[in-house]
Protein backbone atom coordinates (compact mmCIF):
# COMPACT_ATOMS: atom_id res chain seq x y z
CA MET A 1 -18.83 -18.23 -2.70
CA ALA A 2 -17.79 -21.93 -1.83
CA SER A 3 -17.02 -20.51 1.58
CA SER A 4 -18.57 -17.22 2.39
CA SER A 5 -15.31 -15.77 3.85
CA VAL A 6 -12.10 -16.22 2.02
CA THR A 7 -8.71 -14.36 1.81
CA VAL A 8 -7.44 -12.86 -1.38
CA ALA A 9 -3.94 -11.73 -2.15
CA LEU A 10 -3.12 -9.25 -4.90
CA ILE A 11 0.72 -9.54 -6.15
CA GLN A 12 2.19 -6.23 -7.42
CA ILE A 13 5.75 -6.54 -8.85
CA SER A 14 7.94 -4.74 -11.27
CA CYS A 15 9.13 -6.90 -14.51
CA SER A 16 12.41 -7.13 -16.55
CA ASP A 17 13.33 -8.61 -19.92
CA ASP A 18 14.44 -11.66 -18.01
CA ILE A 19 11.17 -13.74 -18.18
CA GLU A 20 12.46 -16.52 -15.96
CA ALA A 21 13.43 -14.05 -13.16
CA ASN A 22 9.88 -12.64 -13.48
CA LEU A 23 8.45 -15.73 -12.96
CA GLU A 24 10.69 -16.76 -9.86
CA LYS A 25 9.80 -13.45 -8.33
CA ALA A 26 6.06 -14.22 -8.75
CA PHE A 27 6.37 -17.79 -7.57
CA MET A 28 8.24 -16.57 -4.36
CA ARG A 29 5.58 -14.01 -3.58
CA ILE A 30 2.75 -16.78 -4.41
CA ARG A 31 4.35 -18.96 -1.65
CA ASP A 32 4.65 -15.95 0.69
CA ALA A 33 0.91 -15.02 0.19
CA SER A 34 0.06 -18.59 0.81
CA GLY A 35 2.03 -18.60 4.11
CA ARG A 36 0.02 -15.46 5.21
CA GLY A 37 -3.30 -17.32 4.64
CA ALA A 38 -4.13 -16.35 1.00
CA GLN A 39 -6.70 -18.76 -0.54
CA ILE A 40 -7.15 -16.85 -3.84
CA ILE A 41 -3.98 -15.28 -5.41
CA LEU A 42 -4.26 -12.85 -8.20
CA LEU A 43 -1.27 -11.78 -10.63
CA GLN A 44 -1.06 -8.52 -12.69
CA GLU A 45 -1.57 -8.43 -16.30
CA LEU A 46 1.27 -10.06 -18.19
CA PHE A 47 2.92 -10.96 -15.01
CA ALA A 48 5.81 -12.91 -16.65
CA TRP A 49 6.69 -10.47 -19.00
CA PRO A 50 7.97 -6.63 -19.51
CA TYR A 51 5.10 -4.78 -20.87
CA PHE A 52 6.27 -5.03 -24.39
CA CYS A 53 3.07 -3.35 -25.64
CA ARG A 54 4.80 -0.09 -24.97
CA GLU A 55 6.50 -0.41 -28.50
CA ILE A 56 5.76 -2.03 -31.86
CA ASP A 57 8.24 -4.94 -32.49
CA ASP A 58 7.82 -8.26 -34.18
CA ARG A 59 10.41 -9.99 -32.01
CA TYR A 60 8.14 -10.09 -28.90
CA PHE A 61 5.75 -12.58 -30.66
CA GLU A 62 8.50 -15.01 -29.92
CA TRP A 63 7.77 -14.88 -25.93
CA ALA A 64 4.09 -16.02 -26.41
CA GLU A 65 3.15 -19.68 -25.53
CA SER A 66 0.02 -21.98 -25.57
CA VAL A 67 -2.65 -21.73 -22.76
CA PRO A 68 -2.60 -24.10 -21.13
CA GLY A 69 1.35 -24.34 -21.60
CA PRO A 70 4.68 -24.37 -20.10
CA VAL A 71 3.74 -21.44 -17.50
CA THR A 72 0.20 -22.87 -16.63
CA THR A 73 1.83 -26.20 -15.83
CA ARG A 74 4.13 -24.70 -13.41
CA LEU A 75 1.30 -22.76 -11.87
CA GLU A 76 -0.68 -25.92 -11.60
CA LYS A 77 1.81 -27.59 -9.42
CA LEU A 78 2.20 -24.58 -7.36
CA ALA A 79 -1.46 -24.23 -6.59
CA SER A 80 -1.81 -27.99 -5.90
CA GLU A 81 1.13 -27.88 -3.53
CA LEU A 82 -0.23 -24.78 -1.64
CA ASN A 83 -3.97 -25.39 -2.08
CA VAL A 84 -4.69 -21.99 -3.48
CA VAL A 85 -6.58 -20.63 -6.53
CA ILE A 86 -4.35 -18.64 -8.92
CA VAL A 87 -5.40 -16.27 -11.44
CA ALA A 88 -2.52 -15.28 -14.08
CA SER A 89 -2.54 -13.30 -17.11
CA LEU A 90 -0.34 -14.72 -19.99
CA PHE A 91 0.64 -13.96 -23.65
CA GLU A 92 -1.24 -16.68 -25.58
CA LYS A 93 -0.26 -17.99 -28.82
CA ARG A 94 -3.36 -19.51 -30.24
CA ALA A 95 -2.12 -20.19 -33.89
CA PRO A 96 0.36 -18.46 -36.44
CA GLY A 97 -0.38 -14.97 -36.58
CA LEU A 98 -3.20 -15.22 -33.88
CA TYR A 99 -2.27 -14.02 -30.24
CA HIS A 100 -4.27 -13.03 -27.18
CA ASN A 101 -3.93 -11.55 -23.94
CA THR A 102 -5.43 -14.20 -21.76
CA ALA A 103 -6.07 -15.03 -17.96
CA ALA A 104 -5.82 -18.52 -17.00
CA VAL A 105 -7.72 -19.64 -13.64
CA ILE A 106 -6.05 -22.63 -11.79
CA ASP A 107 -8.07 -24.39 -9.02
CA ALA A 108 -6.70 -25.22 -5.68
CA ASP A 109 -6.26 -28.80 -6.51
CA GLY A 110 -4.01 -27.64 -9.31
CA LYS A 111 -6.74 -28.32 -12.03
CA TYR A 112 -6.70 -25.65 -14.90
CA LEU A 113 -10.36 -24.53 -14.98
CA GLY A 114 -10.23 -22.50 -18.29
CA LYS A 115 -9.35 -19.17 -19.61
CA TYR A 116 -10.62 -15.84 -20.36
CA ARG A 117 -9.35 -13.73 -23.29
CA LYS A 118 -9.34 -10.06 -23.14
CA THR A 119 -12.14 -8.45 -24.77
CA HIS A 120 -11.57 -4.88 -25.07
CA ILE A 121 -8.07 -3.94 -26.63
CA PRO A 122 -6.69 -0.50 -26.34
CA GLU A 123 -4.46 1.45 -28.75
CA ASP A 124 -2.88 4.49 -27.11
CA PRO A 125 0.61 5.97 -27.05
CA GLY A 126 2.63 3.49 -25.12
CA PHE A 127 -0.08 0.95 -25.15
CA HIS A 128 0.00 -0.62 -28.75
CA GLU A 129 -2.08 -3.66 -27.80
CA LYS A 130 -3.88 -3.87 -30.98
CA PHE A 131 -0.74 -4.87 -32.83
CA TYR A 132 -0.32 -7.81 -30.52
CA PHE A 133 -3.72 -9.03 -29.25
CA THR A 134 -6.88 -10.25 -31.13
CA PRO A 135 -10.04 -9.56 -29.20
CA GLY A 136 -11.29 -12.29 -27.02
CA ASP A 137 -13.88 -14.65 -28.41
CA LEU A 138 -14.68 -16.88 -25.46
CA GLY A 139 -17.24 -14.56 -24.08
CA TYR A 140 -17.39 -13.52 -20.46
CA SER A 141 -16.67 -16.21 -18.06
CA VAL A 142 -17.07 -17.10 -14.29
CA PHE A 143 -14.92 -19.78 -12.83
CA ALA A 144 -16.17 -22.03 -10.10
CA THR A 145 -13.41 -22.46 -7.85
CA ARG A 146 -12.81 -24.36 -4.48
CA TYR A 147 -12.88 -20.79 -2.77
CA GLY A 148 -15.78 -19.01 -4.83
CA ARG A 149 -17.02 -18.03 -8.22
CA ILE A 150 -14.53 -15.56 -9.82
CA GLY A 151 -15.32 -13.57 -12.82
CA VAL A 152 -12.20 -12.50 -14.73
CA LEU A 153 -11.91 -9.45 -16.93
CA ILE A 154 -8.49 -7.82 -17.88
CA CYS A 155 -7.43 -4.22 -17.71
CA TRP A 156 -9.04 -2.27 -20.47
CA ASP A 157 -12.24 -4.25 -19.69
CA GLN A 158 -12.43 -2.42 -16.43
CA TRP A 159 -13.67 0.63 -18.17
CA TYR A 160 -16.82 -0.96 -19.56
CA PRO A 161 -19.80 -1.19 -16.96
CA GLU A 162 -21.17 -3.70 -19.48
CA ALA A 163 -18.58 -6.28 -19.12
CA ALA A 164 -18.80 -5.92 -15.33
CA ARG A 165 -22.71 -6.19 -15.25
CA ILE A 166 -22.68 -9.23 -17.50
CA THR A 167 -20.07 -11.19 -15.56
CA ALA A 168 -21.79 -10.28 -12.28
CA MET A 169 -25.20 -11.61 -13.69
CA MET A 170 -23.28 -14.83 -14.47
CA GLY A 171 -22.93 -15.33 -10.67
CA ALA A 172 -19.49 -13.89 -10.12
CA ASP A 173 -18.96 -12.84 -6.26
CA LEU A 174 -15.50 -11.51 -7.04
CA LEU A 175 -14.57 -9.59 -10.19
CA VAL A 176 -10.82 -9.56 -10.82
CA TYR A 177 -8.84 -7.32 -13.20
CA PRO A 178 -5.20 -8.16 -13.88
CA THR A 179 -4.13 -4.77 -14.95
CA ALA A 180 -1.22 -2.74 -16.56
CA ILE A 181 -1.90 1.00 -16.06
CA ALA A 182 0.73 3.38 -16.24
CA SER A 183 1.58 7.33 -16.61
CA LEU A 184 3.47 8.83 -19.53
CA PRO A 185 6.07 11.42 -18.73
CA GLU A 186 3.77 14.27 -19.81
CA GLU A 187 1.00 12.87 -17.55
CA ALA A 188 3.27 13.48 -14.47
CA GLY A 189 1.82 15.34 -11.33
CA LYS A 190 -1.88 16.45 -11.18
CA LYS A 191 -3.08 14.74 -14.52
CA SER A 192 -1.54 11.28 -13.06
CA ARG A 193 -3.25 11.72 -10.01
CA GLN A 194 -6.36 12.36 -11.86
CA TYR A 195 -6.15 9.32 -14.00
CA LEU A 196 -5.47 7.13 -10.81
CA GLU A 197 -8.61 8.63 -9.16
CA ALA A 198 -10.72 7.98 -12.26
CA TRP A 199 -9.27 4.28 -12.54
CA GLN A 200 -10.18 3.49 -8.94
CA THR A 201 -13.44 5.25 -9.37
CA ILE A 202 -14.82 3.25 -12.28
CA GLN A 203 -13.99 -0.18 -10.48
CA LYS A 204 -15.39 0.89 -7.18
CA SER A 205 -18.59 1.71 -9.08
CA HIS A 206 -18.67 -1.70 -10.77
CA ALA A 207 -18.56 -3.12 -7.05
CA VAL A 208 -21.56 -0.70 -6.07
CA ALA A 209 -23.55 -1.43 -9.26
CA ASN A 210 -23.48 -5.16 -9.02
CA GLY A 211 -23.23 -5.49 -5.18
CA CYS A 212 -20.19 -7.60 -5.47
CA TYR A 213 -16.30 -7.44 -4.65
CA VAL A 214 -13.91 -5.94 -7.10
CA ALA A 215 -10.12 -6.64 -7.05
CA SER A 216 -7.69 -4.95 -9.39
CA VAL A 217 -4.09 -5.88 -9.38
CA ASN A 218 -1.66 -3.47 -11.25
CA ARG A 219 2.03 -3.63 -12.19
CA THR A 220 4.60 -1.25 -10.80
CA GLY A 221 7.98 -0.03 -11.72
CA THR A 222 8.88 2.04 -14.59
CA GLU A 223 9.60 0.59 -18.24
CA ASN A 224 11.00 2.81 -20.71
CA GLN A 225 8.50 5.75 -20.72
CA LEU A 226 5.96 4.08 -18.78
CA SER A 227 5.54 4.66 -15.03
CA PHE A 228 3.14 1.92 -13.74
CA TRP A 229 1.47 3.30 -10.68
CA GLY A 230 0.73 0.18 -8.71
CA ARG A 231 -1.87 0.94 -6.20
CA SER A 232 -3.70 -2.51 -6.39
CA PHE A 233 -6.88 -2.71 -4.44
CA VAL A 234 -9.82 -4.41 -3.31
CA SER A 235 -13.32 -2.70 -3.14
CA GLY A 236 -16.40 -3.91 -1.10
CA PRO A 237 -19.85 -3.84 -2.50
CA PHE A 238 -20.63 -0.44 -1.05
CA GLY A 239 -17.46 0.90 -2.87
CA GLU A 240 -15.39 0.94 0.12
CA VAL A 241 -11.67 0.16 -0.33
CA LEU A 242 -10.83 -2.80 1.84
CA ALA A 243 -7.09 -2.86 0.96
CA GLU A 244 -4.74 -0.98 -1.10
CA ALA A 245 -1.04 -1.15 -2.12
CA GLY A 246 1.35 1.71 -2.41
CA ASP A 247 3.39 2.43 -5.75
CA GLY A 248 6.29 -0.16 -5.29
CA GLU A 249 6.39 -4.10 -5.01
CA GLU A 250 3.89 -5.33 -2.55
CA THR A 251 1.51 -8.14 -1.92
CA ILE A 252 -1.77 -7.23 -0.12
CA ILE A 253 -4.03 -9.53 1.79
CA CYS A 254 -7.73 -8.98 2.03
CA ARG A 255 -10.37 -10.82 3.66
CA ILE A 256 -13.71 -10.67 1.85
CA ASP A 257 -17.33 -12.14 2.90
CA SER A 258 -19.81 -12.99 0.46
CA SER A 259 -22.35 -13.74 2.87
CA THR A 260 -22.78 -9.64 2.99
CA MET A 261 -23.85 -9.47 -0.64
CA ASP A 262 -27.48 -10.31 -0.19
CA ARG A 263 -27.63 -7.50 2.24
CA HIS A 264 -25.93 -5.04 -0.13
CA ARG A 265 -28.19 -6.07 -2.84
CA THR A 266 -31.29 -5.67 -0.91
CA THR A 267 -30.38 -2.40 0.27
CA TRP A 268 -29.66 -1.17 -3.05
CA PRO A 269 -31.53 -3.48 -5.21
CA PHE A 270 -30.19 -2.66 -8.70
CA PHE A 271 -30.90 -6.18 -10.08
CA ARG A 272 -34.41 -6.14 -8.94
CA ASP A 273 -35.13 -2.63 -10.64
CA ARG A 274 -33.33 -3.17 -13.87
CA ARG A 275 -35.66 -2.21 -16.73
CA ILE A 276 -34.53 -4.80 -19.21
CA ASP A 277 -37.18 -4.02 -21.39
CA THR A 278 -35.59 -0.60 -22.27
CA TYR A 279 -31.98 -1.60 -22.96
CA ASP A 280 -32.01 -2.63 -26.53
CA PRO A 281 -30.32 0.47 -27.68
CA ILE A 282 -27.09 -0.47 -25.68
CA THR A 283 -26.21 -2.87 -28.51
CA SER A 284 -25.82 0.11 -30.94
CA ARG A 285 -22.40 1.39 -31.61
CA TRP A 286 -24.03 5.03 -31.46
CA LEU A 287 -27.54 6.30 -31.21
CA ASP A 288 -27.81 8.85 -34.34
CA THR A 289 -31.06 10.55 -33.38
CA ASN A 290 -30.46 13.33 -35.72
CA GLU A 291 -29.16 11.32 -38.71
CA ASP A 292 -32.02 12.41 -41.10
CA LEU A 293 -31.67 16.12 -40.48
């Protein structure tokens, strides 16, 4: 990273149907995080909106905007004023009938560096994202910011080791996942805890397998039948949890140091020992070894 040791903030908030109120809440917390020493500030998935994907309704398309656009312009001014890097997940209108779940990256001088469009789009009860979002077509991306090289992925992407590996191989020292993950009413109790633990495990595994830092920033609050569980966290390269939020509104601050990554990658030299000559089958949808029987 540009400086080996940097301070990262994860802003975990609840959202209402009042988009301007959501924005103001996020801006207030960005200022607070900057005052607490944060240099890289991460916002949750679709941070300015309620999680409208919980239902199918054409009217929500009216909330989308261009990226860059009005919200990024406001974030650019804030980033420049505070000298912070901001990663913000937005509802992008690309063209009539073409929408994306998109993360914008803004550097500490207020410059818009670019965007990543969510690659993996889920479709589950309460998570009807395929109705709203077209899969991203910009490829995986790493952004060279003032405070380091950040690889951006979004929510459902976090379950795919291929996405994390490719982004890490592109030079990311920090993988960030703006997230909206929740429990349905029938998943309360033990099942909800199992899902939470699986969610944390897969992301800690990305940190271990790639010898890098991982930061996942989730929503909180209850929206209709969805209970967003929060628990935003930062994982170190050995899978150790360096900072973790509770289930309410919270901003967590975490210091990370990329100078340790070489030690991690030589202790567990996964990149050295990769057998890339054996990996061609990974590009198949499924390996039908018995299809001729």
